[in-house]
Amino acid sequence: MVGLVAVWEPVYGIEAVIKTLTAVVSIATAVWLIPLVPRLIELPSPAQLRERKQALASAVADCDALLEELRGHRDWRG
């Protein structure tokens, strides 16, 4: 935005300060993110997440089947 204003008004000093602040914030963000890289690498892949989801769905289906069986026994006994 300041670059656009600099076309009509010579505010190059303000533009330089803003660009310098932007660079400082960008570098600080990059340095702050460095410790997070190992944690990001450890995140499971989409294939691993699909496998876990399928395993969980299978476990839920097993539990539902067992619950229905138990309900059937309860109803049978009166």
PDB file of N, CA and C in Angstrom:
ATOM      1  N   MET A   1       0.825  -1.186   0.000  1.00  0.00           N
ATOM      2  CA  MET A   1       0.000   0.000   0.000  1.00  0.00           C
ATOM      3  C   MET A   1       0.877   1.262   0.000  1.00  0.00           C
ATOM      4  N   VAL A   2       1.932   1.206   0.816  1.00  0.00           N
ATOM      5  CA  VAL A   2       2.812   2.375   0.873  1.00  0.00           C
ATOM      6  C   VAL A   2       3.521   2.555  -0.465  1.00  0.00           C
ATOM      7  N   GLY A   3       3.839   1.433  -1.121  1.00  0.00           N
ATOM      8  CA  GLY A   3       4.469   1.518  -2.437  1.00  0.00           C
ATOM      9  C   GLY A   3       3.586   2.232  -3.431  1.00  0.00           C
ATOM     10  N   LEU A   4       2.297   2.032  -3.312  1.00  0.00           N
ATOM     11  CA  LEU A   4       1.345   2.707  -4.192  1.00  0.00           C
ATOM     12  C   LEU A   4       1.324   4.210  -3.905  1.00  0.00           C
ATOM     13  N   VAL A   5       1.358   4.555  -2.629  1.00  0.00           N
ATOM     14  CA  VAL A   5       1.370   5.974  -2.257  1.00  0.00           C
ATOM     15  C   VAL A   5       2.671   6.626  -2.728  1.00  0.00           C
ATOM     16  N   ALA A   6       3.770   5.844  -2.690  1.00  0.00           N
ATOM     17  CA  ALA A   6       5.075   6.393  -3.088  1.00  0.00           C
ATOM     18  C   ALA A   6       5.110   6.773  -4.558  1.00  0.00           C
ATOM     19  N   VAL A   7       4.170   6.294  -5.346  1.00  0.00           N
ATOM     20  CA  VAL A   7       4.110   6.692  -6.757  1.00  0.00           C
ATOM     21  C   VAL A   7       3.791   8.185  -6.860  1.00  0.00           C
ATOM     22  N   TRP A   8       2.914   8.671  -5.962  1.00  0.00           N
ATOM     23  CA  TRP A   8       2.508  10.078  -6.019  1.00  0.00           C
ATOM     24  C   TRP A   8       3.265  10.952  -5.027  1.00  0.00           C
ATOM     25  N   GLU A   9       3.584  10.411  -3.879  1.00  0.00           N
ATOM     26  CA  GLU A   9       4.296  11.178  -2.846  1.00  0.00           C
ATOM     27  C   GLU A   9       5.605  10.453  -2.513  1.00  0.00           C
ATOM     28  N   PRO A  10       6.683  11.164  -2.436  1.00  0.00           N
ATOM     29  CA  PRO A  10       7.976  10.522  -2.144  1.00  0.00           C
ATOM     30  C   PRO A  10       8.134  10.173  -0.651  1.00  0.00           C
ATOM     31  N   VAL A  11       7.509   9.073  -0.240  1.00  0.00           N
ATOM     32  CA  VAL A  11       7.586   8.637   1.159  1.00  0.00           C
ATOM     33  C   VAL A  11       8.465   7.381   1.255  1.00  0.00           C
ATOM     34  N   TYR A  12       9.629   7.474   0.625  1.00  0.00           N
ATOM     35  CA  TYR A  12      10.507   6.310   0.546  1.00  0.00           C
ATOM     36  C   TYR A  12      11.062   5.913   1.904  1.00  0.00           C
ATOM     37  N   GLY A  13      11.236   6.864   2.789  1.00  0.00           N
ATOM     38  CA  GLY A  13      11.741   6.552   4.138  1.00  0.00           C
ATOM     39  C   GLY A  13      10.742   5.685   4.900  1.00  0.00           C
ATOM     40  N   ILE A  14       9.467   6.061   4.835  1.00  0.00           N
ATOM     41  CA  ILE A  14       8.421   5.283   5.511  1.00  0.00           C
ATOM     42  C   ILE A  14       8.314   3.900   4.871  1.00  0.00           C
ATOM     43  N   GLU A  15       8.420   3.863   3.553  1.00  0.00           N
ATOM     44  CA  GLU A  15       8.358   2.587   2.838  1.00  0.00           C
ATOM     45  C   GLU A  15       9.508   1.680   3.278  1.00  0.00           C
ATOM     46  N   ALA A  16      10.700   2.238   3.436  1.00  0.00           N
ATOM     47  CA  ALA A  16      11.863   1.459   3.871  1.00  0.00           C
ATOM     48  C   ALA A  16      11.669   0.930   5.285  1.00  0.00           C
ATOM     49  N   VAL A  17      11.115   1.765   6.174  1.00  0.00           N
ATOM     50  CA  VAL A  17      10.875   1.328   7.550  1.00  0.00           C
ATOM     51  C   VAL A  17       9.868   0.181   7.581  1.00  0.00           C
ATOM     52  N   ILE A  18       8.810   0.317   6.822  1.00  0.00           N
ATOM     53  CA  ILE A  18       7.786  -0.732   6.795  1.00  0.00           C
ATOM     54  C   ILE A  18       8.359  -2.027   6.220  1.00  0.00           C
ATOM     55  N   LYS A  19       9.147  -1.944   5.160  1.00  0.00           N
ATOM     56  CA  LYS A  19       9.757  -3.144   4.581  1.00  0.00           C
ATOM     57  C   LYS A  19      10.747  -3.780   5.555  1.00  0.00           C
ATOM     58  N   THR A  20      11.472  -2.949   6.300  1.00  0.00           N
ATOM     59  CA  THR A  20      12.411  -3.475   7.294  1.00  0.00           C
ATOM     60  C   THR A  20      11.669  -4.189   8.411  1.00  0.00           C
ATOM     61  N   LEU A  21      10.589  -3.589   8.895  1.00  0.00           N
ATOM     62  CA  LEU A  21       9.786  -4.240   9.941  1.00  0.00           C
ATOM     63  C   LEU A  21       9.194  -5.555   9.446  1.00  0.00           C
ATOM     64  N   THR A  22       8.741  -5.560   8.213  1.00  0.00           N
ATOM     65  CA  THR A  22       8.199  -6.786   7.631  1.00  0.00           C
ATOM     66  C   THR A  22       9.270  -7.870   7.569  1.00  0.00           C
ATOM     67  N   ALA A  23      10.468  -7.507   7.177  1.00  0.00           N
ATOM     68  CA  ALA A  23      11.567  -8.466   7.115  1.00  0.00           C
ATOM     69  C   ALA A  23      11.908  -9.003   8.496  1.00  0.00           C
ATOM     70  N   VAL A  24      11.942  -8.127   9.493  1.00  0.00           N
ATOM     71  CA  VAL A  24      12.254  -8.557  10.860  1.00  0.00           C
ATOM     72  C   VAL A  24      11.197  -9.540  11.374  1.00  0.00           C
ATOM     73  N   VAL A  25       9.938  -9.222  11.141  1.00  0.00           N
ATOM     74  CA  VAL A  25       8.864 -10.108  11.579  1.00  0.00           C
ATOM     75  C   VAL A  25       8.934 -11.437  10.834  1.00  0.00           C
ATOM     76  N   SER A  26       9.245 -11.419   9.559  1.00  0.00           N
ATOM     77  CA  SER A  26       9.354 -12.647   8.779  1.00  0.00           C
ATOM     78  C   SER A  26      10.492 -13.524   9.285  1.00  0.00           C
ATOM     79  N   ILE A  27      11.618 -12.931   9.574  1.00  0.00           N
ATOM     80  CA  ILE A  27      12.759 -13.688  10.092  1.00  0.00           C
ATOM     81  C   ILE A  27      12.440 -14.245  11.475  1.00  0.00           C
ATOM     82  N   ALA A  28      11.816 -13.451  12.328  1.00  0.00           N
ATOM     83  CA  ALA A  28      11.442 -13.927  13.657  1.00  0.00           C
ATOM     84  C   ALA A  28      10.462 -15.091  13.559  1.00  0.00           C
ATOM     85  N   THR A  29       9.522 -15.028  12.641  1.00  0.00           N
ATOM     86  CA  THR A  29       8.571 -16.117  12.447  1.00  0.00           C
ATOM     87  C   THR A  29       9.290 -17.379  11.993  1.00  0.00           C
ATOM     88  N   ALA A  30      10.220 -17.239  11.066  1.00  0.00           N
ATOM     89  CA  ALA A  30      10.968 -18.408  10.581  1.00  0.00           C
ATOM     90  C   ALA A  30      11.776 -19.038  11.713  1.00  0.00           C
ATOM     91  N   VAL A  31      12.415 -18.232  12.526  1.00  0.00           N
ATOM     92  CA  VAL A  31      13.190 -18.753  13.655  1.00  0.00           C
ATOM     93  C   VAL A  31      12.268 -19.421  14.668  1.00  0.00           C
ATOM     94  N   TRP A  32      11.114 -18.851  14.905  1.00  0.00           N
ATOM     95  CA  TRP A  32      10.145 -19.406  15.855  1.00  0.00           C
ATOM     96  C   TRP A  32       9.625 -20.759  15.371  1.00  0.00           C
ATOM     97  N   LEU A  33       9.505 -20.939  14.057  1.00  0.00           N
ATOM     98  CA  LEU A  33       8.977 -22.182  13.504  1.00  0.00           C
ATOM     99  C   LEU A  33       9.993 -23.318  13.459  1.00  0.00           C
ATOM    100  N   ILE A  34      11.274 -23.027  13.543  1.00  0.00           N
ATOM    101  CA  ILE A  34      12.309 -24.063  13.445  1.00  0.00           C
ATOM    102  C   ILE A  34      12.094 -25.185  14.464  1.00  0.00           C
ATOM    103  N   PRO A  35      11.805 -24.909  15.741  1.00  0.00           N
ATOM    104  CA  PRO A  35      11.603 -26.017  16.685  1.00  0.00           C
ATOM    105  C   PRO A  35      10.365 -26.872  16.366  1.00  0.00           C
ATOM    106  N   LEU A  36       9.446 -26.350  15.587  1.00  0.00           N
ATOM    107  CA  LEU A  36       8.238 -27.108  15.252  1.00  0.00           C
ATOM    108  C   LEU A  36       8.447 -28.109  14.130  1.00  0.00           C
ATOM    109  N   VAL A  37       9.525 -27.983  13.384  1.00  0.00           N
ATOM    110  CA  VAL A  37       9.746 -28.855  12.225  1.00  0.00           C
ATOM    111  C   VAL A  37       9.765 -30.332  12.613  1.00  0.00           C
ATOM    112  N   PRO A  38      10.482 -30.753  13.672  1.00  0.00           N
ATOM    113  CA  PRO A  38      10.444 -32.181  14.024  1.00  0.00           C
ATOM    114  C   PRO A  38       9.031 -32.676  14.349  1.00  0.00           C
ATOM    115  N   ARG A  39       8.242 -31.845  15.003  1.00  0.00           N
ATOM    116  CA  ARG A  39       6.868 -32.244  15.313  1.00  0.00           C
ATOM    117  C   ARG A  39       6.039 -32.360  14.041  1.00  0.00           C
ATOM    118  N   LEU A  40       6.265 -31.481  13.085  1.00  0.00           N
ATOM    119  CA  LEU A  40       5.545 -31.548  11.819  1.00  0.00           C
ATOM    120  C   LEU A  40       5.911 -32.799  11.038  1.00  0.00           C
ATOM    121  N   ILE A  41       7.178 -33.187  11.106  1.00  0.00           N
ATOM    122  CA  ILE A  41       7.632 -34.392  10.411  1.00  0.00           C
ATOM    123  C   ILE A  41       6.983 -35.632  11.015  1.00  0.00           C
ATOM    124  N   GLU A  42       6.720 -35.610  12.323  1.00  0.00           N
ATOM    125  CA  GLU A  42       6.130 -36.763  13.008  1.00  0.00           C
ATOM    126  C   GLU A  42       4.629 -36.911  12.752  1.00  0.00           C
ATOM    127  N   LEU A  43       3.992 -35.918  12.156  1.00  0.00           N
ATOM    128  CA  LEU A  43       2.564 -36.019  11.885  1.00  0.00           C
ATOM    129  C   LEU A  43       2.298 -37.213  10.972  1.00  0.00           C
ATOM    130  N   PRO A  44       1.216 -37.946  11.230  1.00  0.00           N
ATOM    131  CA  PRO A  44       0.932 -39.107  10.379  1.00  0.00           C
ATOM    132  C   PRO A  44       0.530 -38.684   8.963  1.00  0.00           C
ATOM    133  N   SER A  45       0.843 -39.552   8.032  1.00  0.00           N
ATOM    134  CA  SER A  45       0.493 -39.291   6.631  1.00  0.00           C
ATOM    135  C   SER A  45      -0.993 -39.552   6.422  1.00  0.00           C
ATOM    136  N   PRO A  46      -1.554 -39.072   5.328  1.00  0.00           N
ATOM    137  CA  PRO A  46      -2.959 -39.366   5.048  1.00  0.00           C
ATOM    138  C   PRO A  46      -3.247 -40.867   4.989  1.00  0.00           C
ATOM    139  N   ALA A  47      -2.317 -41.656   4.458  1.00  0.00           N
ATOM    140  CA  ALA A  47      -2.518 -43.113   4.402  1.00  0.00           C
ATOM    141  C   ALA A  47      -2.582 -43.696   5.816  1.00  0.00           C
ATOM    142  N   GLN A  48      -1.705 -43.229   6.698  1.00  0.00           N
ATOM    143  CA  GLN A  48      -1.734 -43.711   8.085  1.00  0.00           C
ATOM    144  C   GLN A  48      -3.027 -43.308   8.774  1.00  0.00           C
ATOM    145  N   LEU A  49      -3.493 -42.105   8.513  1.00  0.00           N
ATOM    146  CA  LEU A  49      -4.753 -41.663   9.106  1.00  0.00           C
ATOM    147  C   LEU A  49      -5.923 -42.502   8.599  1.00  0.00           C
ATOM    148  N   ARG A  50      -5.917 -42.854   7.297  1.00  0.00           N
ATOM    149  CA  ARG A  50      -6.974 -43.716   6.757  1.00  0.00           C
ATOM    150  C   ARG A  50      -6.958 -45.088   7.431  1.00  0.00           C
ATOM    151  N   GLU A  51      -5.756 -45.645   7.622  1.00  0.00           N
ATOM    152  CA  GLU A  51      -5.641 -46.945   8.285  1.00  0.00           C
ATOM    153  C   GLU A  51      -6.180 -46.883   9.712  1.00  0.00           C
ATOM    154  N   ARG A  52      -5.821 -45.836  10.426  1.00  0.00           N
ATOM    155  CA  ARG A  52      -6.303 -45.673  11.804  1.00  0.00           C
ATOM    156  C   ARG A  52      -7.819 -45.499  11.839  1.00  0.00           C
ATOM    157  N   LYS A  53      -8.340 -44.756  10.872  1.00  0.00           N
ATOM    158  CA  LYS A  53      -9.780 -44.545  10.809  1.00  0.00           C
ATOM    159  C   LYS A  53     -10.498 -45.856  10.538  1.00  0.00           C
ATOM    160  N   GLN A  54      -9.964 -46.670   9.628  1.00  0.00           N
ATOM    161  CA  GLN A  54     -10.571 -47.966   9.328  1.00  0.00           C
ATOM    162  C   GLN A  54     -10.510 -48.885  10.541  1.00  0.00           C
ATOM    163  N   ALA A  55      -9.379 -48.887  11.246  1.00  0.00           N
ATOM    164  CA  ALA A  55      -9.253 -49.718  12.441  1.00  0.00           C
ATOM    165  C   ALA A  55     -10.245 -49.275  13.505  1.00  0.00           C
ATOM    166  N   LEU A  56     -10.402 -47.978  13.663  1.00  0.00           N
ATOM    167  CA  LEU A  56     -11.353 -47.462  14.640  1.00  0.00           C
ATOM    168  C   LEU A  56     -12.785 -47.810  14.247  1.00  0.00           C
ATOM    169  N   ALA A  57     -13.099 -47.688  12.972  1.00  0.00           N
ATOM    170  CA  ALA A  57     -14.443 -48.040  12.502  1.00  0.00           C
ATOM    171  C   ALA A  57     -14.719 -49.519  12.725  1.00  0.00           C
ATOM    172  N   SER A  58     -13.719 -50.346  12.502  1.00  0.00           N
ATOM    173  CA  SER A  58     -13.871 -51.784  12.736  1.00  0.00           C
ATOM    174  C   SER A  58     -14.096 -52.072  14.214  1.00  0.00           C
ATOM    175  N   ALA A  59     -13.350 -51.402  15.077  1.00  0.00           N
ATOM    176  CA  ALA A  59     -13.518 -51.589  16.519  1.00  0.00           C
ATOM    177  C   ALA A  59     -14.904 -51.130  16.970  1.00  0.00           C
ATOM    178  N   VAL A  60     -15.386 -50.036  16.426  1.00  0.00           N
ATOM    179  CA  VAL A  60     -16.720 -49.545  16.775  1.00  0.00           C
ATOM    180  C   VAL A  60     -17.779 -50.539  16.305  1.00  0.00           C
ATOM    181  N   ALA A  61     -17.598 -51.084  15.108  1.00  0.00           N
ATOM    182  CA  ALA A  61     -18.555 -52.072  14.596  1.00  0.00           C
ATOM    183  C   ALA A  61     -18.560 -53.312  15.483  1.00  0.00           C
ATOM    184  N   ASP A  62     -17.391 -53.754  15.941  1.00  0.00           N
ATOM    185  CA  ASP A  62     -17.308 -54.904  16.842  1.00  0.00           C
ATOM    186  C   ASP A  62     -18.027 -54.620  18.151  1.00  0.00           C
ATOM    187  N   CYS A  63     -17.827 -53.434  18.686  1.00  0.00           N
ATOM    188  CA  CYS A  63     -18.482 -53.050  19.936  1.00  0.00           C
ATOM    189  C   CYS A  63     -19.998 -52.983  19.755  1.00  0.00           C
ATOM    190  N   ASP A  64     -20.439 -52.439  18.622  1.00  0.00           N
ATOM    191  CA  ASP A  64     -21.878 -52.368  18.353  1.00  0.00           C
ATOM    192  C   ASP A  64     -22.481 -53.762  18.244  1.00  0.00           C
ATOM    193  N   ALA A  65     -21.771 -54.671  17.572  1.00  0.00           N
ATOM    194  CA  ALA A  65     -22.263 -56.043  17.437  1.00  0.00           C
ATOM    195  C   ALA A  65     -22.337 -56.721  18.803  1.00  0.00           C
ATOM    196  N   LEU A  66     -21.333 -56.520  19.612  1.00  0.00           N
ATOM    197  CA  LEU A  66     -21.334 -57.105  20.960  1.00  0.00           C
ATOM    198  C   LEU A  66     -22.453 -56.511  21.804  1.00  0.00           C
ATOM    199  N   LEU A  67     -22.671 -55.235  21.683  1.00  0.00           N
ATOM    200  CA  LEU A  67     -23.745 -54.582  22.432  1.00  0.00           C
ATOM    201  C   LEU A  67     -25.103 -55.134  22.017  1.00  0.00           C
ATOM    202  N   GLU A  68     -25.303 -55.315  20.729  1.00  0.00           N
ATOM    203  CA  GLU A  68     -26.562 -55.897  20.256  1.00  0.00           C
ATOM    204  C   GLU A  68     -26.733 -57.323  20.776  1.00  0.00           C
ATOM    205  N   GLU A  69     -25.654 -58.082  20.796  1.00  0.00           N
ATOM    206  CA  GLU A  69     -25.713 -59.454  21.322  1.00  0.00           C
ATOM    207  C   GLU A  69     -26.078 -59.440  22.796  1.00  0.00           C
ATOM    208  N   LEU A  70     -25.470 -58.537  23.553  1.00  0.00           N
ATOM    209  CA  LEU A  70     -25.781 -58.437  24.982  1.00  0.00           C
ATOM    210  C   LEU A  70     -27.223 -58.003  25.200  1.00  0.00           C
ATOM    211  N   ARG A  71     -27.706 -57.095  24.384  1.00  0.00           N
ATOM    212  CA  ARG A  71     -29.104 -56.675  24.500  1.00  0.00           C
ATOM    213  C   ARG A  71     -30.036 -57.846  24.211  1.00  0.00           C
ATOM    214  N   GLY A  72     -29.678 -58.684  23.241  1.00  0.00           N
ATOM    215  CA  GLY A  72     -30.472 -59.853  22.922  1.00  0.00           C
ATOM    216  C   GLY A  72     -30.540 -60.818  24.088  1.00  0.00           C
ATOM    217  N   HIS A  73     -29.428 -60.989  24.793  1.00  0.00           N
ATOM    218  CA  HIS A  73     -29.422 -61.863  25.970  1.00  0.00           C
ATOM    219  C   HIS A  73     -30.269 -61.269  27.087  1.00  0.00           C
ATOM    220  N   ARG A  74     -30.207 -59.965  27.241  1.00  0.00           N
ATOM    221  CA  ARG A  74     -30.994 -59.321  28.292  1.00  0.00           C
ATOM    222  C   ARG A  74     -32.486 -59.480  28.009  1.00  0.00           C
ATOM    223  N   ASP A  75     -32.879 -59.295  26.750  1.00  0.00           N
ATOM    224  CA  ASP A  75     -34.286 -59.435  26.369  1.00  0.00           C
ATOM    225  C   ASP A  75     -34.741 -60.886  26.506  1.00  0.00           C
ATOM    226  N   TRP A  76     -33.868 -61.822  26.230  1.00  0.00           N
ATOM    227  CA  TRP A  76     -34.207 -63.239  26.291  1.00  0.00           C
ATOM    228  C   TRP A  76     -34.472 -63.678  27.726  1.00  0.00           C
ATOM    229  N   ARG A  77     -33.702 -63.112  28.674  1.00  0.00           N
ATOM    230  CA  ARG A  77     -33.840 -63.495  30.080  1.00  0.00           C
ATOM    231  C   ARG A  77     -35.019 -62.801  30.729  1.00  0.00           C
ATOM    232  N   GLY A  78     -35.536 -61.846  30.071  1.00  0.00           N
ATOM    233  CA  GLY A  78     -36.736 -61.228  30.575  1.00  0.00           C
ATOM    234  C   GLY A  78     -36.502 -60.032  31.373  1.00  0.00           C
TER     235      GLY A  78
END
